[in-house]
């Protein structure tokens, strides 16, 4: 799997540890680095783009509304 997102090594390690902590706390399951990294890769490939695109759409709508407001003031 090749993710569209690039992470610094330190950040990726931090996220892997976070995933491992989540599995241990919420599912009472200890998972290794490889399993956590594969899960992170899945999230980055399949799930993250959905939220990224929603953020872009929300930002676009916000900027568009502000520009419309600005042009209304100028009229």
Protein backbone atom coordinates (compact mmCIF):
# COMPACT_ATOMS: atom_id res chain seq x y z
CA UNK A 1 0.00 0.00 0.00
CA UNK A 2 1.35 3.42 -0.90
CA UNK A 3 -0.19 6.25 1.05
CA UNK A 4 -0.84 9.67 -0.45
CA UNK A 5 0.25 11.21 2.85
CA UNK A 6 3.86 11.48 3.95
CA UNK A 7 4.76 11.39 7.62
CA UNK A 8 8.01 12.11 9.37
CA UNK A 9 9.53 8.97 10.92
CA UNK A 10 9.02 10.31 14.46
CA UNK A 11 5.36 11.13 13.82
CA UNK A 12 4.73 7.70 12.30
CA UNK A 13 6.32 6.01 15.33
CA UNK A 14 4.16 8.16 17.62
CA UNK A 15 1.01 7.13 15.74
CA UNK A 16 2.00 3.45 15.81
CA UNK A 17 2.42 3.69 19.59
CA UNK A 18 -0.96 5.41 19.83
CA UNK A 19 -2.61 2.62 17.83
CA UNK A 20 -0.97 0.01 20.04
CA UNK A 21 -2.19 1.82 23.17
CA UNK A 22 -5.70 2.01 21.73
CA UNK A 23 -5.82 -1.71 20.96
CA UNK A 24 -4.50 -2.54 24.41
CA UNK A 25 -6.93 -0.25 26.24
CA UNK A 26 -10.10 -0.67 24.18
CA UNK A 27 -9.76 -4.23 22.88
CA UNK A 28 -7.49 -5.76 25.49
CA UNK A 29 -5.17 -6.89 22.71
CA UNK A 30 -1.45 -6.34 22.40
CA UNK A 31 -0.38 -5.79 18.81
CA UNK A 32 3.12 -5.52 17.47
CA UNK A 33 4.76 -2.74 15.53
CA UNK A 34 4.12 -4.38 12.16
CA UNK A 35 0.40 -4.89 12.75
CA UNK A 36 0.03 -1.33 14.06
CA UNK A 37 1.97 0.05 11.09
CA UNK A 38 -0.18 -1.88 8.62
CA UNK A 39 -3.30 -0.58 10.37
CA UNK A 40 -1.92 2.98 10.16
CA UNK A 41 -1.17 2.49 6.46
CA UNK A 42 -4.77 1.32 5.93
CA UNK A 43 -6.14 4.37 7.73
CA UNK A 44 -3.92 6.71 5.73
CA UNK A 45 -4.84 5.08 2.43
CA UNK A 46 -8.55 4.46 2.88
CA UNK A 47 -9.93 6.68 5.63
CA UNK A 48 -7.80 9.81 5.90
CA UNK A 49 -8.55 11.03 2.34
CA UNK A 50 -12.26 11.11 3.14
CA UNK A 51 -11.71 13.43 6.10
CA UNK A 52 -9.13 15.47 4.21
CA UNK A 53 -11.58 16.05 1.37
CA UNK A 54 -14.33 17.03 3.83
CA UNK A 55 -11.95 19.56 5.36
CA UNK A 56 -11.12 20.99 1.95
CA UNK A 57 -14.84 21.24 1.10
CA UNK A 58 -15.60 22.95 4.42
CA UNK A 59 -12.72 25.39 3.91
CA UNK A 60 -13.87 26.16 0.38
CA UNK A 61 -17.43 26.79 1.55
CA UNK A 62 -16.20 29.05 4.36
CA UNK A 63 -13.94 31.12 2.10
CA UNK A 64 -16.64 31.35 -0.56
CA UNK A 65 -19.16 32.61 2.02
CA UNK A 66 -16.71 35.18 3.35
CA UNK A 67 -15.94 36.40 -0.18
CA UNK A 68 -19.67 36.64 -0.94
CA UNK A 69 -20.13 38.66 2.27
CA UNK A 70 -17.26 40.93 1.28
CA UNK A 71 -18.68 41.56 -2.19
CA UNK A 72 -22.11 42.27 -0.69
CA UNK A 73 -20.57 44.94 1.52
CA UNK A 74 -18.93 46.56 -1.51
CA UNK A 75 -22.24 46.85 -3.42
